[in-house]
Amino acid sequence: MERNLPLECACKSFEEDLVLYYYGEMNDTERGRVERHLSNCAACGRFIGDLRRLLPQMANSEAFAPSFWDSYYRQTMAKLARREQKESWWRDLLAPARVWMLPAFGTAAVAVLAIALVFNKGDSQRFSDRSMGAIPQEILADANQLEFFKTMDMLEALSKLEEQVDQNPEPKPERSSRLDGMQANA
């Protein structure tokens, strides 16, 4: 009598071990431990029985005849051909336009950008003045503070230059003896 019931539940602590036991992938001590458990637990024994009954059936796959694959190929090619015939009429209409569309739109975008830059060149002050008026005076720094920060930046740059000079002193140009003789005669 063939059972069509789902797999019998095994003990959770032994479930993985039972699968390894079925495939013979255990060492002798683990195998002995599982066999002792199987002798005491009927549920795990039924689980192993279910594995022995079901797993060989799953491993056998039905081999298809070459005629099946030939007809499968023909059917697939026929479906692809029908799909190509169904393509929209507008795709055929736009096919020649695809070649020149990208360069044309790219050129148009560059031209619009260039024209916008040329016509807005003199208006940059207008935009900056308008934005300054929108900022509250409390947020803006006064002129003395701005001058202070500019001076601090200049002093910082000066100290960096002095450090560079101290690290890499430039050799003083040597005076030639001819030059010394000319100065003595003068």
Protein backbone atom coordinates (compact mmCIF):
# COMPACT_ATOMS: atom_id res chain seq x y z
CA MET A 1 0.00 0.00 0.00
CA GLU A 2 1.57 3.28 -1.21
CA ARG A 3 1.30 6.24 1.15
CA ASN A 4 0.63 9.66 -0.39
CA LEU A 5 1.05 11.49 2.89
CA PRO A 6 3.69 14.16 3.41
CA LEU A 7 6.99 13.26 5.02
CA GLU A 8 6.77 12.08 8.57
CA CYS A 9 8.08 14.65 11.04
CA ALA A 10 11.36 13.74 12.65
CA CYS A 11 12.84 15.02 15.87
CA LYS A 12 14.12 18.54 15.21
CA SER A 13 17.49 17.81 16.79
CA PHE A 14 17.99 14.77 14.50
CA GLU A 15 16.40 15.91 11.24
CA GLU A 16 19.64 17.06 9.56
CA ASP A 17 21.52 14.08 10.94
CA LEU A 18 18.92 11.71 9.47
CA VAL A 19 19.41 13.18 5.99
CA LEU A 20 23.18 12.81 6.35
CA TYR A 21 22.61 9.25 7.61
CA TYR A 22 20.49 8.47 4.53
CA TYR A 23 23.25 9.67 2.19
CA GLY A 24 25.97 7.93 4.23
CA GLU A 25 27.89 11.11 4.95
CA MET A 26 28.63 10.51 8.64
CA ASN A 27 31.56 9.14 10.57
CA ASP A 28 31.17 5.98 12.63
CA THR A 29 30.50 7.67 15.99
CA GLU A 30 27.75 9.89 14.57
CA ARG A 31 26.28 6.94 12.67
CA GLY A 32 26.13 4.92 15.90
CA ARG A 33 24.43 7.79 17.73
CA VAL A 34 21.77 8.12 14.97
CA GLU A 35 21.18 4.34 14.83
CA ARG A 36 20.66 4.24 18.62
CA HIS A 37 18.14 7.08 18.28
CA LEU A 38 16.37 5.29 15.39
CA SER A 39 15.95 2.17 17.51
CA ASN A 40 14.13 4.24 20.17
CA CYS A 41 12.17 6.76 18.01
CA ALA A 42 9.42 5.49 15.68
CA ALA A 43 8.84 8.95 14.10
CA CYS A 44 12.46 9.22 12.98
CA GLY A 45 12.29 5.63 11.67
CA ARG A 46 9.26 6.56 9.54
CA PHE A 47 11.12 9.69 8.38
CA ILE A 48 14.04 7.56 7.13
CA GLY A 49 11.54 5.21 5.47
CA ASP A 50 9.93 8.16 3.69
CA LEU A 51 13.34 9.39 2.54
CA ARG A 52 14.17 5.93 1.16
CA ARG A 53 10.85 5.81 -0.66
CA LEU A 54 10.64 9.38 -2.05
CA LEU A 55 14.18 10.53 -2.81
CA PRO A 56 14.93 7.88 -5.47
CA GLN A 57 11.72 8.87 -7.28
CA MET A 58 12.78 12.52 -7.32
CA ALA A 59 16.21 11.72 -8.71
CA ASN A 60 14.80 9.95 -11.77
CA SER A 61 13.96 12.57 -14.34
CA GLU A 62 12.08 11.68 -17.45
CA ALA A 63 14.26 11.91 -20.53
CA PHE A 64 12.61 13.56 -23.50
CA ALA A 65 12.89 12.10 -26.96
CA PRO A 66 14.82 14.07 -29.62
CA SER A 67 11.54 14.56 -31.49
CA PHE A 68 10.25 16.58 -28.52
CA TRP A 69 13.22 18.95 -28.71
CA ASP A 70 12.85 19.29 -32.48
CA SER A 71 9.19 20.24 -32.16
CA TYR A 72 9.99 22.54 -29.24
CA TYR A 73 12.55 24.39 -31.39
CA ARG A 74 10.11 24.69 -34.30
CA GLN A 75 7.35 26.00 -32.03
CA THR A 76 9.66 28.57 -30.47
CA MET A 77 10.85 29.82 -33.86
CA ALA A 78 7.24 30.05 -35.10
CA LYS A 79 6.23 32.11 -32.04
CA LEU A 80 9.17 34.46 -32.60
CA ALA A 81 8.24 34.89 -36.26
CA ARG A 82 4.62 35.69 -35.34
CA ARG A 83 5.80 38.24 -32.83
CA GLU A 84 8.01 39.96 -35.41
CA GLN A 85 5.05 40.15 -37.78
CA LYS A 86 2.90 41.69 -35.04
CA GLU A 87 5.32 44.57 -34.45
CA SER A 88 3.62 47.93 -34.52
CA TRP A 89 3.47 49.88 -37.77
CA TRP A 90 4.90 52.95 -36.09
CA ARG A 91 8.17 51.13 -35.31
CA ASP A 92 8.74 50.68 -39.03
CA LEU A 93 7.86 54.32 -39.56
CA LEU A 94 10.38 55.51 -36.96
CA ALA A 95 13.17 53.08 -37.88
CA PRO A 96 14.97 55.48 -40.29
CA ALA A 97 14.60 58.33 -37.80
CA ARG A 98 16.48 56.43 -35.08
CA VAL A 99 19.75 56.93 -36.93
CA TRP A 100 19.68 60.73 -36.84
CA MET A 101 17.51 61.38 -33.73
CA LEU A 102 20.22 61.18 -31.09
CA PRO A 103 22.73 63.47 -32.83
CA ALA A 104 19.97 65.93 -33.77
CA PHE A 105 18.60 66.20 -30.24
CA GLY A 106 22.12 66.45 -28.81
CA THR A 107 22.98 69.28 -31.19
CA ALA A 108 19.74 71.09 -30.38
CA ALA A 109 20.40 70.81 -26.64
CA VAL A 110 23.92 72.22 -27.03
CA ALA A 111 22.60 75.09 -29.18
CA VAL A 112 19.91 75.98 -26.62
CA LEU A 113 22.49 75.92 -23.83
CA ALA A 114 24.88 78.15 -25.80
CA ILE A 115 22.14 80.67 -26.63
CA ALA A 116 21.02 80.77 -23.00
CA LEU A 117 24.58 81.44 -21.84
CA VAL A 118 25.12 84.21 -24.42
CA PHE A 119 21.92 86.06 -23.61
CA ASN A 120 22.31 85.74 -19.84
CA LYS A 121 25.97 86.79 -19.76
CA GLY A 122 25.28 90.44 -18.86
CA ASP A 123 22.49 89.59 -16.43
CA SER A 124 24.65 87.78 -13.87
CA GLN A 125 24.87 90.90 -11.65
CA ARG A 126 21.10 91.22 -11.64
CA PHE A 127 20.73 87.69 -10.26
CA SER A 128 23.42 88.11 -7.61
CA ASP A 129 22.02 91.49 -6.46
CA ARG A 130 18.54 90.06 -6.16
CA SER A 131 19.76 87.16 -4.04
CA MET A 132 21.69 89.49 -1.70
CA GLY A 133 18.57 91.55 -1.04
CA ALA A 134 16.65 88.45 0.00
CA ILE A 135 19.13 87.59 2.77
CA PRO A 136 18.38 89.30 6.10
CA GLN A 137 21.03 91.73 7.35
CA GLU A 138 21.44 89.79 10.61
CA ILE A 139 22.85 86.87 8.67
CA LEU A 140 25.25 88.89 6.54
CA ALA A 141 28.59 89.76 8.14
CA ASP A 142 29.54 93.41 8.40
CA ALA A 143 32.47 94.85 6.43
CA ASN A 144 34.83 94.86 9.44
CA GLN A 145 34.35 91.15 10.00
CA LEU A 146 34.93 90.40 6.32
CA GLU A 147 38.13 92.48 6.34
CA PHE A 148 39.27 90.63 9.46
CA PHE A 149 38.81 87.24 7.77
CA LYS A 150 40.64 88.40 4.64
CA THR A 151 43.55 89.58 6.80
CA MET A 152 43.61 86.27 8.66
CA ASP A 153 43.69 84.35 5.38
CA MET A 154 46.58 86.50 4.16
CA LEU A 155 48.52 85.97 7.43
CA GLU A 156 47.95 82.24 7.22
CA ALA A 157 49.23 82.18 3.65
CA LEU A 158 52.25 84.26 4.69
CA SER A 159 53.12 81.85 7.51
CA LYS A 160 52.91 78.92 5.08
CA LEU A 161 55.29 80.71 2.70
CA GLU A 162 57.74 81.37 5.54
CA GLU A 163 57.66 77.69 6.50
CA GLN A 164 58.44 76.71 2.91
CA VAL A 165 61.37 79.14 2.79
CA ASP A 166 62.72 77.80 6.09
CA GLN A 167 62.50 74.23 4.82
CA ASN A 168 64.02 74.92 1.38
CA PRO A 169 66.32 77.94 1.62
CA GLU A 170 67.31 79.17 -1.82
CA PRO A 171 71.08 79.38 -2.41
CA LYS A 172 72.34 82.93 -2.76
CA PRO A 173 73.83 83.64 -6.17
CA GLU A 174 77.61 83.57 -6.10
CA ARG A 175 79.34 86.70 -7.20
CA SER A 176 81.93 86.24 -9.86
CA SER A 177 85.48 87.45 -9.33
CA ARG A 178 85.22 89.53 -12.48
CA LEU A 179 82.28 91.39 -11.00
CA ASP A 180 84.23 92.01 -7.78
CA GLY A 181 87.16 93.41 -9.79
CA MET A 182 84.90 95.80 -11.66
CA GLN A 183 83.39 97.11 -8.44
CA ALA A 184 86.86 97.63 -6.92
CA ASN A 185 87.98 99.68 -9.95
CA ALA A 186 84.96 101.86 -9.78
